N, C-alpha and C. Protein backbone atom coordinates (compact mmCIF):
# COMPACT_ATOMS: atom_id res chain seq x y z
N MET A 1 98.45 -31.93 -277.10
CA MET A 1 99.84 -31.57 -276.99
C MET A 1 100.52 -32.48 -275.97
N ARG A 2 101.67 -33.03 -276.35
CA ARG A 2 102.41 -33.89 -275.44
C ARG A 2 103.22 -33.06 -274.47
N ARG A 3 103.24 -33.49 -273.24
CA ARG A 3 104.05 -32.83 -272.22
C ARG A 3 105.30 -33.65 -271.97
N LEU A 4 106.36 -32.97 -271.56
CA LEU A 4 107.60 -33.68 -271.24
C LEU A 4 107.42 -34.48 -269.97
N ASP A 5 108.04 -35.62 -269.94
CA ASP A 5 108.00 -36.48 -268.77
C ASP A 5 108.91 -35.88 -267.70
N PRO A 6 108.38 -35.48 -266.54
CA PRO A 6 109.22 -34.84 -265.51
C PRO A 6 110.27 -35.78 -264.93
N SER A 7 110.14 -37.08 -265.14
CA SER A 7 111.13 -38.01 -264.58
C SER A 7 112.44 -38.00 -265.36
N VAL A 8 112.46 -37.41 -266.56
CA VAL A 8 113.70 -37.39 -267.34
C VAL A 8 114.19 -35.99 -267.64
N THR A 9 113.52 -34.95 -267.14
CA THR A 9 114.02 -33.60 -267.34
C THR A 9 114.91 -33.21 -266.17
N THR A 10 115.89 -32.39 -266.45
CA THR A 10 116.81 -31.95 -265.40
C THR A 10 116.91 -30.45 -265.40
N GLY A 11 117.33 -29.91 -264.28
CA GLY A 11 117.55 -28.48 -264.20
C GLY A 11 118.93 -28.09 -264.68
N GLY A 12 119.82 -29.06 -264.83
CA GLY A 12 121.17 -28.78 -265.27
C GLY A 12 121.24 -28.50 -266.76
N SER A 13 122.34 -27.94 -267.18
CA SER A 13 122.53 -27.61 -268.58
C SER A 13 123.34 -28.70 -269.27
N ASP A 14 122.92 -29.09 -270.46
CA ASP A 14 123.65 -30.08 -271.23
C ASP A 14 124.83 -29.46 -271.96
N ASP A 15 124.93 -28.12 -271.97
CA ASP A 15 125.97 -27.43 -272.71
C ASP A 15 127.35 -27.58 -272.08
N SER A 16 127.42 -27.67 -270.78
CA SER A 16 128.71 -27.77 -270.11
C SER A 16 129.05 -29.24 -269.87
N PRO A 17 130.16 -29.72 -270.46
CA PRO A 17 130.52 -31.13 -270.26
C PRO A 17 130.97 -31.38 -268.82
N ALA A 18 130.67 -32.56 -268.35
CA ALA A 18 131.09 -32.95 -267.00
C ALA A 18 132.57 -33.34 -267.03
N GLU A 19 133.27 -33.05 -265.95
CA GLU A 19 134.68 -33.46 -265.85
C GLU A 19 134.73 -34.87 -265.28
N CYS A 20 135.50 -35.74 -265.94
CA CYS A 20 135.64 -37.13 -265.49
C CYS A 20 136.39 -37.17 -264.16
N PRO A 21 135.85 -37.85 -263.15
CA PRO A 21 136.53 -37.94 -261.87
C PRO A 21 137.74 -38.88 -261.90
N TYR A 22 137.88 -39.68 -262.95
CA TYR A 22 138.99 -40.64 -263.05
C TYR A 22 140.20 -40.05 -263.74
N CYS A 23 139.99 -39.37 -264.90
CA CYS A 23 141.13 -38.86 -265.65
C CYS A 23 141.13 -37.34 -265.83
N GLY A 24 140.04 -36.67 -265.44
CA GLY A 24 139.97 -35.22 -265.55
C GLY A 24 139.57 -34.70 -266.92
N SER A 25 139.30 -35.58 -267.87
CA SER A 25 138.91 -35.18 -269.22
C SER A 25 137.52 -34.55 -269.22
N THR A 26 137.30 -33.61 -270.14
CA THR A 26 135.96 -33.06 -270.33
C THR A 26 135.35 -33.61 -271.63
N ASP A 27 135.98 -34.60 -272.23
CA ASP A 27 135.43 -35.28 -273.41
C ASP A 27 134.44 -36.33 -272.92
N THR A 28 133.32 -35.85 -272.40
CA THR A 28 132.32 -36.72 -271.79
C THR A 28 130.96 -36.46 -272.41
N GLU A 29 130.06 -37.41 -272.25
CA GLU A 29 128.69 -37.22 -272.70
C GLU A 29 127.73 -37.78 -271.67
N ARG A 30 126.56 -37.18 -271.61
CA ARG A 30 125.52 -37.62 -270.69
C ARG A 30 124.82 -38.80 -271.34
N GLU A 31 124.84 -39.96 -270.66
CA GLU A 31 124.19 -41.14 -271.21
C GLU A 31 122.71 -41.17 -270.88
N HIS A 32 122.37 -40.73 -269.70
CA HIS A 32 120.98 -40.71 -269.28
C HIS A 32 120.81 -39.56 -268.30
N PRO A 33 119.73 -38.82 -268.42
CA PRO A 33 119.57 -37.65 -267.56
C PRO A 33 119.39 -37.96 -266.08
N LYS A 34 118.98 -39.16 -265.75
CA LYS A 34 118.79 -39.51 -264.34
C LYS A 34 119.58 -40.76 -263.99
N GLY A 35 120.19 -40.73 -262.83
CA GLY A 35 120.91 -41.88 -262.31
C GLY A 35 120.06 -42.60 -261.29
N PRO A 36 120.71 -43.22 -260.31
CA PRO A 36 119.97 -43.95 -259.28
C PRO A 36 119.05 -43.08 -258.44
N SER A 37 119.31 -41.79 -258.38
CA SER A 37 118.43 -40.87 -257.67
C SER A 37 118.23 -39.62 -258.51
N LEU A 38 117.28 -38.78 -258.17
CA LEU A 38 116.95 -37.62 -258.98
C LEU A 38 118.04 -36.56 -259.03
N CYS A 39 118.97 -36.58 -258.10
CA CYS A 39 120.01 -35.55 -258.08
C CYS A 39 121.29 -35.99 -258.78
N ARG A 40 121.30 -37.18 -259.39
CA ARG A 40 122.49 -37.67 -260.08
C ARG A 40 122.17 -38.01 -261.54
N SER A 41 123.14 -37.82 -262.43
CA SER A 41 122.97 -38.19 -263.82
C SER A 41 124.14 -39.08 -264.24
N MET A 42 123.90 -39.94 -265.22
CA MET A 42 124.91 -40.88 -265.69
C MET A 42 125.65 -40.28 -266.89
N HIS A 43 126.98 -40.37 -266.87
CA HIS A 43 127.84 -39.85 -267.93
C HIS A 43 128.84 -40.92 -268.36
N PHE A 44 129.47 -40.70 -269.53
CA PHE A 44 130.50 -41.61 -270.03
C PHE A 44 131.68 -40.77 -270.49
N CYS A 45 132.89 -41.17 -270.09
CA CYS A 45 134.12 -40.47 -270.48
C CYS A 45 134.72 -41.16 -271.70
N HIS A 46 134.99 -40.39 -272.75
CA HIS A 46 135.62 -40.95 -273.96
C HIS A 46 137.14 -41.04 -273.78
N GLY A 47 137.69 -40.31 -272.82
CA GLY A 47 139.13 -40.35 -272.58
C GLY A 47 139.59 -41.65 -271.97
N CYS A 48 138.94 -42.08 -270.89
CA CYS A 48 139.33 -43.32 -270.20
C CYS A 48 138.28 -44.42 -270.33
N GLU A 49 137.19 -44.12 -271.06
CA GLU A 49 136.13 -45.08 -271.34
C GLU A 49 135.48 -45.65 -270.07
N GLN A 50 135.26 -44.75 -269.09
CA GLN A 50 134.63 -45.14 -267.83
C GLN A 50 133.30 -44.43 -267.65
N PRO A 51 132.27 -45.14 -267.19
CA PRO A 51 131.03 -44.47 -266.83
C PRO A 51 131.18 -43.83 -265.45
N PHE A 52 130.45 -42.75 -265.21
CA PHE A 52 130.48 -42.14 -263.88
C PHE A 52 129.20 -41.37 -263.64
N GLU A 53 128.92 -41.07 -262.38
CA GLU A 53 127.75 -40.30 -261.99
C GLU A 53 128.15 -38.88 -261.67
N ARG A 54 127.26 -37.94 -261.94
CA ARG A 54 127.51 -36.54 -261.62
C ARG A 54 126.34 -36.02 -260.80
N MET A 55 126.66 -35.28 -259.75
CA MET A 55 125.62 -34.68 -258.93
C MET A 55 125.05 -33.47 -259.68
N GLU A 56 123.74 -33.34 -259.66
CA GLU A 56 123.08 -32.22 -260.34
C GLU A 56 122.85 -31.08 -259.38
């Protein structure tokens, strides 16, 4: 049985979209579950087309 890689699992929920810090849109998607550190994740805003980090 394969186990999930703990380096890409997060405690946060994917159900709630992140709010873009640039334009305030919630039309965002998580690009990668982990950012530069374990407490941040990478997101992309479809409203202003900017990538941003979110604290987990």
